[in-house]
């Protein structure tokens, strides 16, 4: 049995649904699918009767890069794992990392003497 995806990395904005198709091959149904989205929420637990494409979906609340771990088990106890990366976009920032304006706080004038 195996679990794969055509996408190793997917992205979305915060508070929008990220959908991720996975492909289950081999093994014997029904399948139990556990998804740890990496953001501290309770892992999803799904059931799938037959092999094939399954769309996983999740809403991330804040920007960041999350390691997503998918575990699929079949009726005979065989298991496969898939690790993916979710990129959740953040708001655009016009400040430096210390919070100061990018242009140094000037109003566009040249400060050279």
Protein backbone atom coordinates (compact mmCIF):
# COMPACT_ATOMS: atom_id res chain seq x y z
CA UNK A 1 0.00 0.00 0.00
CA UNK A 2 1.21 3.54 -0.67
CA UNK A 3 0.06 7.13 -0.30
CA UNK A 4 1.38 9.83 -2.64
CA UNK A 5 0.58 13.31 -3.88
CA UNK A 6 1.38 15.22 -7.05
CA UNK A 7 2.22 18.19 -4.79
CA UNK A 8 4.96 18.25 -2.14
CA UNK A 9 4.12 21.86 -1.25
CA UNK A 10 0.85 23.82 -1.41
CA UNK A 11 -0.09 27.29 -0.27
CA UNK A 12 -3.08 29.32 0.85
CA UNK A 13 -3.93 32.49 2.71
CA UNK A 14 -4.88 32.45 6.40
CA UNK A 15 -8.57 31.67 6.99
CA UNK A 16 -8.96 30.20 3.48
CA UNK A 17 -9.39 26.51 2.69
CA UNK A 18 -6.27 24.65 1.56
CA UNK A 19 -7.23 21.55 -0.45
CA UNK A 20 -4.67 18.81 -1.00
CA UNK A 21 -5.34 15.76 -3.20
CA UNK A 22 -3.60 12.55 -2.11
CA UNK A 23 -3.57 9.21 -3.91
CA UNK A 24 -4.03 5.88 -2.11
CA UNK A 25 -2.79 2.80 -4.00
CA UNK A 26 -2.83 -0.89 -3.13
CA UNK A 27 -3.82 -2.45 0.15
CA UNK A 28 -7.32 -3.45 1.18
CA UNK A 29 -10.11 -1.01 1.95
CA UNK A 30 -11.54 0.51 3.92
CA UNK A 31 -8.72 2.94 4.70
CA UNK A 32 -8.26 5.13 7.77
CA UNK A 33 -6.63 8.48 7.00
CA UNK A 34 -5.08 10.54 9.80
CA UNK A 35 -3.81 14.05 9.02
CA UNK A 36 -1.68 16.12 11.40
CA UNK A 37 -1.71 19.59 9.86
CA UNK A 38 1.18 20.79 12.04
CA UNK A 39 -0.61 23.83 13.44
CA UNK A 40 -1.59 22.36 16.81
CA UNK A 41 -5.20 21.65 15.92
CA UNK A 42 -6.67 18.20 16.51
CA UNK A 43 -5.65 15.81 13.73
CA UNK A 44 -8.31 14.95 11.15
CA UNK A 45 -9.45 11.32 10.94
CA UNK A 46 -11.19 10.24 7.74
CA UNK A 47 -12.40 6.99 6.23
CA UNK A 48 -12.15 5.99 2.57
CA UNK A 49 -13.74 2.81 1.19
CA UNK A 50 -11.65 2.41 -1.97
CA UNK A 51 -8.18 3.35 -3.24
CA UNK A 52 -7.87 6.46 -5.40
CA UNK A 53 -7.77 10.22 -5.01
CA UNK A 54 -8.89 11.76 -1.71
CA UNK A 55 -9.09 15.54 -1.23
CA UNK A 56 -7.88 16.67 2.18
CA UNK A 57 -8.79 20.19 3.29
CA UNK A 58 -7.91 22.44 6.20
CA UNK A 59 -8.10 26.10 7.22
CA UNK A 60 -4.96 27.54 8.80
CA UNK A 61 -5.52 30.50 11.10
CA UNK A 62 -2.10 32.17 10.84
CA UNK A 63 0.76 32.57 8.40
CA UNK A 64 3.67 30.15 8.55
CA UNK A 65 5.24 27.02 7.14
CA UNK A 66 3.68 23.81 8.44
CA UNK A 67 4.83 20.19 8.19
CA UNK A 68 1.79 18.09 7.32
CA UNK A 69 1.92 14.35 8.10
CA UNK A 70 -0.59 11.99 6.49
CA UNK A 71 -0.92 8.40 7.73
CA UNK A 72 -3.04 5.89 5.84
CA UNK A 73 -3.86 2.45 7.28
CA UNK A 74 -5.74 -0.29 5.50
CA UNK A 75 -8.04 -3.01 6.86
CA UNK A 76 -5.14 -5.47 7.27
CA UNK A 77 -3.14 -3.03 9.43
CA UNK A 78 -0.58 -1.97 6.80
CA UNK A 79 0.34 1.71 7.05
CA UNK A 80 1.93 4.35 4.82
CA UNK A 81 3.09 7.87 5.69
CA UNK A 82 3.42 11.01 3.60
CA UNK A 83 5.05 14.26 4.75
CA UNK A 84 4.07 17.48 2.98
CA UNK A 85 4.72 21.21 3.45
CA UNK A 86 1.91 23.79 3.69
CA UNK A 87 2.86 27.44 3.15
CA UNK A 88 0.36 29.90 4.59
CA UNK A 89 0.90 33.40 3.26
CA UNK A 90 1.18 36.40 5.52
CA UNK A 91 0.21 40.05 5.14
CA UNK A 92 2.54 42.30 3.18
CA UNK A 93 4.77 44.35 5.43
CA UNK A 94 6.26 47.76 4.73
CA UNK A 95 8.52 47.65 7.77
CA UNK A 96 11.88 46.18 8.66
CA UNK A 97 12.01 43.25 11.05
CA UNK A 98 12.50 45.68 13.97
CA UNK A 99 9.28 47.52 13.05
CA UNK A 100 10.95 50.64 11.62
CA UNK A 101 9.82 51.97 8.23
CA UNK A 102 11.75 50.56 5.27
CA UNK A 103 12.81 54.02 4.07
CA UNK A 104 14.26 54.98 7.44
CA UNK A 105 11.36 57.22 8.38
CA UNK A 106 12.05 59.95 5.84
CA UNK A 107 9.41 61.38 3.61
CA UNK A 108 11.34 60.52 0.48
CA UNK A 109 13.89 63.36 0.72
CA UNK A 110 17.57 62.64 0.21
CA UNK A 111 19.36 62.82 3.60
CA UNK A 112 22.85 63.17 2.14
CA UNK A 113 24.84 66.33 2.91
